[in-house]
Amino acid sequence: MLETIRELVRPPPGMAFDFSQPAGEPALAPSDGVAWRVFANPVSLFIGGVAAVLLELAEPSVRSGVWDHSNFKRDPGTRLRRTGFTAMMTVYGPRSAAEKVIARVVRMHGRVEGHTPDGLPYHANDPRLLDWVQATAAFGFTEAYHAYVQPLSAREKDAAFAEGELAAGLYGATGAPRSWDEWEALLGRTAPGLEGSDILADFMRIMREAPILPAPLRGLQRLLVRAAVQIVPEPVRSLPQLRAGALRPGEALLVRGLARASSLLPLDEMPPAQAARRLAAPRNPD
């Protein structure tokens, strides 16, 4: 179980990175902020990531961009780990390295364009779409931590959004929410255009059945997916593709126990611990 939980936050092959270097270099997110706590829990990180994707796939243009231009259908495990690594770099990585990673993502997004099935043109670097993606990620990770690890105050939830402003701007999401109220306002404006689809159903099936966790733990994988559905806000949670996917009675307690226990595991070689050592070391003179 310990090794499985480590895998949820370990970089995928070819993307290994030593977060403990260079000594003293700060991250994009403040080390004493909420994001450093939220992203340190591998169980809520997985749940929050799934919740964010559910919200993204409910938006027609984002859905087409994600589904038509990624390898998620063929290799969901690697895609999730790559996305998780990018998020870890954004929060814990030294600023110089994080900026390079984000710039590379922006260049890749520059090639992602097309039309939705309804003929609506889309481009991945459209600020409107970037704002939605950044907002859903901030919501998913924050709400998963709040629901399953430790309740966050209204002020802490605001901080979780505000701390992502610098990284969001580097991605091009200049209008991403900077507080919980701004998130709810964006959700309200976007809600009329959110919809279910066969792709959303396919995503749910893949997340339940794909070998993301070892076969003996596939039931745990399905439990964490249901935990993600549980925290997705309306109107998305009531979409036909998700209606039967939320937690069953008593399962929320099980998820909370697992998430809180994962906070106690020794993850010394994972990004949060490495980054803490980096900031504790004297910074090399330029």
Protein backbone atom coordinates (compact mmCIF):
# COMPACT_ATOMS: atom_id res chain seq x y z
CA MET A 1 0.00 0.00 0.00
CA LEU A 2 2.81 2.44 0.86
CA GLU A 3 4.52 1.89 -2.47
CA THR A 4 1.21 2.29 -4.30
CA ILE A 5 0.56 5.64 -2.64
CA ARG A 6 4.09 6.74 -3.52
CA GLU A 7 3.33 5.97 -7.16
CA LEU A 8 0.46 8.48 -7.13
CA VAL A 9 2.93 11.36 -6.76
CA ARG A 10 6.09 9.94 -8.35
CA PRO A 11 7.10 11.52 -11.70
CA PRO A 12 6.55 9.28 -14.75
CA PRO A 13 9.50 7.71 -16.59
CA GLY A 14 11.69 10.30 -18.27
CA MET A 15 10.52 13.16 -16.05
CA ALA A 16 12.51 12.54 -12.87
CA PHE A 17 13.49 15.76 -11.13
CA ASP A 18 15.35 16.58 -7.93
CA PHE A 19 13.15 19.11 -6.13
CA SER A 20 15.86 19.63 -3.51
CA GLN A 21 17.98 21.68 -5.95
CA PRO A 22 19.09 24.40 -6.46
CA ALA A 23 19.58 25.27 -2.82
CA GLY A 24 17.43 28.09 -1.52
CA GLU A 25 15.50 28.83 -4.72
CA PRO A 26 11.84 29.66 -3.98
CA ALA A 27 8.84 28.11 -5.71
CA LEU A 28 6.00 29.84 -7.54
CA ALA A 29 3.72 29.06 -4.58
CA PRO A 30 4.65 30.26 -1.07
CA SER A 31 6.10 27.52 1.10
CA ASP A 32 3.99 28.63 4.09
CA GLY A 33 0.80 28.70 2.06
CA VAL A 34 -2.21 26.43 1.68
CA ALA A 35 -1.14 24.86 -1.62
CA TRP A 36 1.96 23.28 -0.07
CA ARG A 37 -0.30 21.48 2.41
CA VAL A 38 -2.94 20.52 -0.13
CA PHE A 39 -0.55 19.03 -2.68
CA ALA A 40 1.35 17.01 -0.09
CA ASN A 41 -1.49 14.49 0.33
CA PRO A 42 -1.35 11.87 -2.44
CA VAL A 43 -4.85 10.49 -1.89
CA SER A 44 -6.68 13.82 -2.03
CA LEU A 45 -4.42 14.85 -4.91
CA PHE A 46 -5.69 11.89 -6.94
CA ILE A 47 -9.30 12.58 -6.00
CA GLY A 48 -8.99 16.29 -6.75
CA GLY A 49 -7.36 15.64 -10.10
CA VAL A 50 -10.21 13.38 -11.19
CA ALA A 51 -12.79 15.94 -10.03
CA ALA A 52 -11.04 18.64 -12.04
CA VAL A 53 -11.06 16.53 -15.20
CA LEU A 54 -14.77 15.79 -14.77
CA LEU A 55 -15.44 19.52 -14.74
CA GLU A 56 -13.14 20.08 -17.71
CA LEU A 57 -14.81 17.37 -19.78
CA ALA A 58 -18.21 18.94 -19.13
CA GLU A 59 -17.09 22.06 -21.06
CA PRO A 60 -17.44 21.31 -24.82
CA SER A 61 -14.33 23.10 -26.11
CA VAL A 62 -12.05 21.87 -23.33
CA ARG A 63 -13.48 18.36 -23.79
CA SER A 64 -12.59 18.27 -27.48
CA GLY A 65 -9.13 19.68 -26.88
CA VAL A 66 -8.35 17.14 -24.17
CA TRP A 67 -9.86 14.09 -25.85
CA ASP A 68 -8.70 14.75 -29.41
CA HIS A 69 -5.12 15.75 -28.61
CA SER A 70 -3.88 13.50 -25.81
CA ASN A 71 -2.94 9.88 -25.19
CA PHE A 72 -5.33 9.54 -22.27
CA LYS A 73 -7.47 6.87 -23.96
CA ARG A 74 -4.40 4.72 -24.73
CA ASP A 75 -2.40 5.27 -21.53
CA PRO A 76 -4.42 6.99 -18.78
CA GLY A 77 -1.95 6.12 -16.03
CA THR A 78 1.00 7.86 -17.68
CA ARG A 79 -1.12 10.85 -18.68
CA LEU A 80 -2.36 11.30 -15.11
CA ARG A 81 1.17 11.05 -13.72
CA ARG A 82 2.48 13.56 -16.26
CA THR A 83 -0.27 16.00 -15.32
CA GLY A 84 0.40 15.37 -11.64
CA PHE A 85 4.10 15.99 -12.10
CA THR A 86 3.39 19.31 -13.84
CA ALA A 87 1.15 20.32 -10.93
CA MET A 88 3.85 19.33 -8.43
CA MET A 89 6.42 21.37 -10.34
CA THR A 90 4.09 24.37 -10.34
CA VAL A 91 3.69 24.22 -6.56
CA TYR A 92 7.02 22.84 -5.27
CA GLY A 93 9.56 23.20 -8.07
CA PRO A 94 12.25 25.88 -8.08
CA ARG A 95 10.85 28.88 -9.89
CA SER A 96 13.32 28.72 -12.78
CA ALA A 97 12.47 25.09 -13.53
CA ALA A 98 8.72 25.61 -13.06
CA GLU A 99 8.74 28.47 -15.54
CA LYS A 100 10.46 26.25 -18.12
CA VAL A 101 7.94 23.45 -17.62
CA ILE A 102 5.02 25.85 -17.98
CA ALA A 103 6.54 27.43 -21.09
CA ARG A 104 6.84 23.97 -22.64
CA VAL A 105 3.17 23.25 -21.89
CA VAL A 106 2.16 26.57 -23.42
CA ARG A 107 4.10 25.72 -26.59
CA MET A 108 2.39 22.34 -26.78
CA HIS A 109 -1.00 23.98 -26.31
CA GLY A 110 -0.17 26.25 -29.22
CA ARG A 111 -0.62 23.25 -31.53
CA VAL A 112 -3.91 22.14 -29.99
CA GLU A 113 -6.82 23.49 -32.00
CA GLY A 114 -9.82 22.22 -33.89
CA HIS A 115 -13.61 22.17 -33.84
CA THR A 116 -16.07 20.62 -31.43
CA PRO A 117 -18.63 18.15 -32.84
CA ASP A 118 -21.04 21.10 -33.03
CA GLY A 119 -18.58 23.04 -35.20
CA LEU A 120 -17.37 25.49 -32.55
CA PRO A 121 -13.70 26.38 -33.10
CA TYR A 122 -11.37 26.02 -30.15
CA HIS A 123 -7.73 26.70 -29.31
CA ALA A 124 -6.09 25.40 -26.16
CA ASN A 125 -4.43 28.76 -25.47
CA ASP A 126 -7.76 30.61 -25.52
CA PRO A 127 -7.73 32.57 -22.23
CA ARG A 128 -11.38 31.66 -21.57
CA LEU A 129 -10.57 27.95 -21.68
CA LEU A 130 -7.35 28.40 -19.73
CA ASP A 131 -9.25 30.22 -16.99
CA TRP A 132 -11.67 27.29 -16.71
CA VAL A 133 -8.91 24.68 -16.60
CA GLN A 134 -6.95 26.57 -13.94
CA ALA A 135 -10.10 27.19 -11.91
CA THR A 136 -11.26 23.58 -11.98
CA ALA A 137 -7.82 22.35 -10.94
CA ALA A 138 -7.66 24.77 -8.01
CA PHE A 139 -11.19 23.80 -6.97
CA GLY A 140 -10.63 20.05 -7.32
CA PHE A 141 -7.44 19.85 -5.27
CA THR A 142 -8.67 22.29 -2.61
CA GLU A 143 -12.10 20.74 -2.19
CA ALA A 144 -10.72 17.19 -2.07
CA TYR A 145 -8.36 18.18 0.74
CA HIS A 146 -11.17 20.02 2.54
CA ALA A 147 -13.58 17.09 2.23
CA TYR A 148 -11.27 14.19 2.97
CA VAL A 149 -8.15 15.38 4.82
CA GLN A 150 -8.75 18.49 6.91
CA PRO A 151 -11.47 21.17 6.71
CA LEU A 152 -10.25 24.49 5.36
CA SER A 153 -11.57 27.85 6.49
CA ALA A 154 -13.05 30.30 4.01
CA ARG A 155 -9.85 32.32 4.27
CA GLU A 156 -7.72 29.27 3.49
CA LYS A 157 -9.87 28.41 0.46
CA ASP A 158 -9.41 31.95 -0.82
CA ALA A 159 -5.66 31.64 -0.30
CA ALA A 160 -5.53 28.40 -2.28
CA PHE A 161 -6.81 30.26 -5.34
CA ALA A 162 -4.75 33.40 -4.75
CA GLU A 163 -1.52 31.40 -4.42
CA GLY A 164 -2.00 30.03 -7.93
CA GLU A 165 -2.28 33.44 -9.59
CA LEU A 166 1.38 33.65 -10.64
CA ALA A 167 1.42 30.19 -12.24
CA ALA A 168 -1.97 30.75 -13.87
CA GLY A 169 -0.67 33.93 -15.48
CA LEU A 170 2.33 32.07 -16.89
CA TYR A 171 -0.06 29.60 -18.52
CA GLY A 172 -2.03 32.51 -19.99
CA ALA A 173 -5.02 32.24 -17.66
CA THR A 174 -5.05 35.92 -16.80
CA GLY A 175 -8.66 35.84 -15.62
CA ALA A 176 -8.47 32.73 -13.41
CA PRO A 177 -10.30 33.07 -10.07
CA ARG A 178 -8.27 34.49 -7.20
CA SER A 179 -10.76 33.61 -4.46
CA TRP A 180 -13.54 31.15 -3.71
CA ASP A 181 -16.18 33.77 -4.55
CA GLU A 182 -14.57 34.35 -7.94
CA TRP A 183 -14.58 30.59 -8.53
CA GLU A 184 -18.28 30.36 -7.74
CA ALA A 185 -18.98 33.33 -10.02
CA LEU A 186 -17.08 31.64 -12.88
CA LEU A 187 -18.92 28.38 -12.24
CA GLY A 188 -22.23 30.25 -12.37
CA ARG A 189 -21.34 31.86 -15.70
CA THR A 190 -20.08 28.61 -17.18
CA ALA A 191 -22.80 26.29 -15.86
CA PRO A 192 -25.36 26.91 -18.65
CA GLY A 193 -22.86 25.54 -21.20
CA LEU A 194 -21.78 22.47 -19.23
CA GLU A 195 -23.09 19.17 -20.56
CA GLY A 196 -22.80 15.42 -20.47
CA SER A 197 -21.38 13.37 -23.32
CA ASP A 198 -20.23 9.94 -24.40
CA ILE A 199 -16.68 11.14 -23.69
CA LEU A 200 -17.57 11.84 -20.07
CA ALA A 201 -18.98 8.31 -19.84
CA ASP A 202 -15.82 6.91 -21.45
CA PHE A 203 -13.66 8.79 -18.95
CA MET A 204 -15.61 7.33 -16.04
CA ARG A 205 -15.28 3.82 -17.48
CA ILE A 206 -11.54 4.23 -18.03
CA MET A 207 -10.98 5.58 -14.53
CA ARG A 208 -12.85 2.62 -13.05
CA GLU A 209 -11.21 -0.09 -15.16
CA ALA A 210 -7.77 1.09 -16.32
CA PRO A 211 -4.71 -0.40 -14.55
CA ILE A 212 -3.83 2.82 -12.74
CA LEU A 213 -3.51 0.97 -9.42
CA PRO A 214 -2.48 -2.70 -9.17
CA ALA A 215 -5.23 -5.25 -9.80
CA PRO A 216 -5.73 -6.14 -6.09
CA LEU A 217 -6.40 -2.44 -5.41
CA ARG A 218 -8.79 -1.82 -8.30
CA GLY A 219 -11.65 -1.58 -5.82
CA LEU A 220 -9.79 1.22 -4.06
CA GLN A 221 -9.33 2.95 -7.39
CA ARG A 222 -13.07 2.87 -8.03
CA LEU A 223 -13.68 4.17 -4.50
CA LEU A 224 -11.42 7.18 -5.10
CA VAL A 225 -13.19 7.90 -8.39
CA ARG A 226 -16.53 7.90 -6.57
CA ALA A 227 -15.02 10.24 -3.98
CA ALA A 228 -14.17 12.62 -6.83
CA VAL A 229 -17.71 12.53 -8.19
CA GLN A 230 -19.00 13.26 -4.68
CA ILE A 231 -17.29 16.67 -4.54
CA VAL A 232 -18.07 17.82 -8.09
CA PRO A 233 -20.49 20.76 -7.91
CA GLU A 234 -23.81 21.05 -9.63
CA PRO A 235 -24.88 20.99 -12.36
CA VAL A 236 -22.15 18.53 -13.32
CA ARG A 237 -22.70 16.05 -10.48
CA SER A 238 -26.27 15.42 -11.70
CA LEU A 239 -25.29 14.69 -15.29
CA PRO A 240 -26.50 11.22 -16.39
CA GLN A 241 -22.93 9.97 -16.80
CA LEU A 242 -22.14 10.74 -13.12
CA ARG A 243 -25.46 10.22 -11.41
CA ALA A 244 -24.67 6.70 -10.20
CA GLY A 245 -21.01 7.38 -9.50
CA ALA A 246 -21.01 9.14 -6.12
CA LEU A 247 -20.07 7.60 -2.79
CA ARG A 248 -22.29 5.03 -1.13
CA PRO A 249 -23.35 5.36 2.53
CA GLY A 250 -20.38 5.05 4.84
CA GLU A 251 -17.74 5.27 2.10
CA ALA A 252 -16.85 8.89 2.83
CA LEU A 253 -15.56 7.83 6.26
CA LEU A 254 -13.37 5.19 4.62
CA VAL A 255 -11.93 7.72 2.16
CA ARG A 256 -11.24 10.20 4.97
CA GLY A 257 -9.45 7.56 6.98
CA LEU A 258 -7.29 6.59 4.02
CA ALA A 259 -6.50 10.20 3.09
CA ARG A 260 -5.62 11.21 6.64
CA ALA A 261 -3.47 8.12 7.11
CA SER A 262 -1.57 8.91 3.91
CA SER A 263 -0.53 12.23 5.48
CA LEU A 264 1.43 10.24 8.07
CA LEU A 265 3.38 8.12 5.60
CA PRO A 266 7.13 8.75 5.21
CA LEU A 267 7.41 10.31 1.76
CA ASP A 268 10.90 11.74 2.23
CA GLU A 269 11.91 11.40 -1.41
CA MET A 270 8.72 12.89 -2.81
CA PRO A 271 8.53 16.49 -4.12
CA PRO A 272 7.10 18.16 -0.97
CA ALA A 273 9.89 16.89 1.29
CA GLN A 274 12.58 17.55 -1.30
CA ALA A 275 11.33 21.11 -1.82
CA ALA A 276 11.34 21.75 1.92
CA ARG A 277 14.98 20.70 2.06
CA ARG A 278 15.78 22.99 -0.86
CA LEU A 279 14.36 26.03 0.87
CA ALA A 280 16.07 25.15 4.14
CA ALA A 281 19.49 25.14 2.46
CA PRO A 282 21.45 28.37 2.02
CA ARG A 283 20.99 29.82 -1.43
CA ASN A 284 24.07 29.77 -3.63
CA PRO A 285 25.29 33.28 -4.55
CA ASP A 286 24.64 34.26 -8.16
